[in-house]
Amino acid sequence: MIKIYGIPNCDTVKKARAWLTDNGVEHQFHDFKKQGVPADRLDAWLSSAGWETLLNRKGTAWRQLEDGVKDAVLDAATAREVMRSHVSTIKRPVVDWTNGTTVGFKPEDWAVRASTPTK
């Protein structure tokens, strides 16, 4: 089962969920705010996508952090701590497909993912 992770009121997550529904892709939604960030999945995403991709340094949540917190993010370990403490700093949505993981919403990439069989 495809699992999409994010925050329900995020515009990008809304678009992504609508795309999945409109394209008949069965999925489950995991709400970071209500259910937290699964530590094992965060580690897997950091490993597959890299912390630079997973950490959203363009969003409001990042901009609202104290400069000392932002300046301390130098690698995957320090980024992980910020993402665990401030879930809104994770770029959304994160999707665990049957054939890999994606970060962000790109309909053209998702069309390929949704139609590619499980490896």
Protein backbone atom coordinates (compact mmCIF):
# COMPACT_ATOMS: atom_id res chain seq x y z
CA MET A 1 0.00 0.00 0.00
CA ILE A 2 1.27 3.45 -0.92
CA LYS A 3 1.64 5.72 2.07
CA ILE A 4 1.73 9.51 1.87
CA TYR A 5 3.15 11.49 4.78
CA GLY A 6 2.50 15.13 5.47
CA ILE A 7 0.25 17.72 7.05
CA PRO A 8 -3.39 17.81 5.91
CA ASN A 9 -3.67 21.60 5.57
CA CYS A 10 -0.50 21.90 3.44
CA ASP A 11 -1.50 23.01 -0.08
CA THR A 12 1.04 20.72 -1.73
CA VAL A 13 -0.17 17.74 0.30
CA LYS A 14 -3.76 18.57 -0.66
CA LYS A 15 -2.81 18.63 -4.36
CA ALA A 16 -0.87 15.39 -4.02
CA ARG A 17 -3.71 13.58 -2.25
CA ALA A 18 -6.17 14.81 -4.87
CA TRP A 19 -3.85 13.59 -7.63
CA LEU A 20 -3.67 10.13 -6.08
CA THR A 21 -7.46 9.96 -5.71
CA ASP A 22 -8.13 11.35 -9.20
CA ASN A 23 -5.74 8.78 -10.69
CA GLY A 24 -7.28 5.88 -8.79
CA VAL A 25 -4.18 5.21 -6.70
CA GLU A 26 -5.05 3.56 -3.38
CA HIS A 27 -3.13 5.10 -0.52
CA GLN A 28 -3.02 5.74 3.19
CA PHE A 29 -2.34 9.14 4.71
CA HIS A 30 -0.07 9.65 7.70
CA ASP A 31 -0.54 12.98 9.47
CA PHE A 32 2.74 14.24 10.94
CA LYS A 33 0.90 16.56 13.34
CA LYS A 34 -1.36 13.87 14.82
CA GLN A 35 0.72 10.72 14.38
CA GLY A 36 4.24 12.09 14.57
CA VAL A 37 7.16 11.16 12.35
CA PRO A 38 8.07 7.47 12.46
CA ALA A 39 11.77 7.37 13.41
CA ASP A 40 12.46 4.35 11.21
CA ARG A 41 10.88 6.02 8.18
CA LEU A 42 12.74 9.29 8.81
CA ASP A 43 16.01 7.36 8.84
CA ALA A 44 15.06 5.57 5.63
CA TRP A 45 14.14 8.86 3.93
CA LEU A 46 17.38 10.46 5.04
CA SER A 47 19.26 7.51 3.61
CA SER A 48 17.43 7.42 0.28
CA ALA A 49 16.72 11.10 -0.41
CA GLY A 50 19.42 12.83 1.62
CA TRP A 51 18.96 15.43 4.32
CA GLU A 52 19.39 18.34 1.91
CA THR A 53 16.32 17.19 -0.04
CA LEU A 54 14.22 16.22 2.97
CA LEU A 55 14.78 19.38 5.02
CA ASN A 56 12.59 22.20 3.74
CA ARG A 57 14.71 25.30 4.20
CA LYS A 58 12.34 27.44 2.11
CA GLY A 59 9.26 27.08 4.29
CA THR A 60 7.81 29.19 7.06
CA ALA A 61 8.68 26.63 9.76
CA TRP A 62 12.37 26.84 8.86
CA ARG A 63 12.36 30.63 8.71
CA GLN A 64 10.78 30.80 12.17
CA LEU A 65 13.52 28.74 13.81
CA GLU A 66 16.14 30.56 15.82
CA ASP A 67 19.31 31.27 13.87
CA GLY A 68 21.32 29.10 16.27
CA VAL A 69 19.14 26.09 15.49
CA LYS A 70 19.43 26.67 11.74
CA ASP A 71 23.18 27.24 11.92
CA ALA A 72 23.65 23.96 13.81
CA VAL A 73 22.26 21.90 10.91
CA LEU A 74 25.39 20.62 9.19
CA ASP A 75 24.66 16.98 8.36
CA ALA A 76 22.03 14.24 8.40
CA ALA A 77 22.24 13.76 12.17
CA THR A 78 21.67 17.40 13.03
CA ALA A 79 18.98 17.76 10.34
CA ARG A 80 17.24 14.68 11.76
CA GLU A 81 17.04 16.27 15.20
CA VAL A 82 15.48 19.44 13.80
CA MET A 83 12.98 17.43 11.73
CA ARG A 84 12.02 15.33 14.77
CA SER A 85 11.49 18.45 16.89
CA HIS A 86 9.86 20.56 14.17
CA VAL A 87 7.91 18.24 11.84
CA SER A 88 6.87 21.11 9.60
CA THR A 89 10.48 21.43 8.45
CA ILE A 90 10.14 18.16 6.53
CA LYS A 91 9.51 18.78 2.84
CA ARG A 92 6.09 17.47 1.90
CA PRO A 93 4.71 15.18 0.87
CA VAL A 94 6.94 12.20 1.42
CA VAL A 95 5.54 9.14 -0.35
CA ASP A 96 6.55 5.55 0.19
CA TRP A 97 5.64 3.89 -3.10
CA THR A 98 5.83 0.17 -3.73
CA ASN A 99 8.94 0.96 -5.79
CA GLY A 100 10.76 3.61 -3.75
CA THR A 101 10.29 6.95 -2.02
CA THR A 102 9.74 10.46 -3.34
CA VAL A 103 9.87 13.84 -1.62
CA GLY A 104 7.69 16.65 -2.95
CA PHE A 105 4.94 16.57 -5.55
CA LYS A 106 5.79 16.24 -9.23
CA PRO A 107 2.82 14.83 -11.17
CA GLU A 108 4.98 13.70 -14.09
CA ASP A 109 7.23 11.65 -11.78
CA TRP A 110 4.27 10.33 -9.84
CA ALA A 111 2.62 9.05 -13.03
CA VAL A 112 5.67 6.88 -13.67
CA ARG A 113 5.80 5.69 -10.03
CA ALA A 114 2.11 4.87 -9.94
CA SER A 115 2.33 2.79 -13.10
CA THR A 116 5.60 0.98 -12.37
CA PRO A 117 5.20 -2.52 -10.91
CA THR A 118 6.75 -3.52 -7.61
CA LYS A 119 10.37 -4.60 -7.86
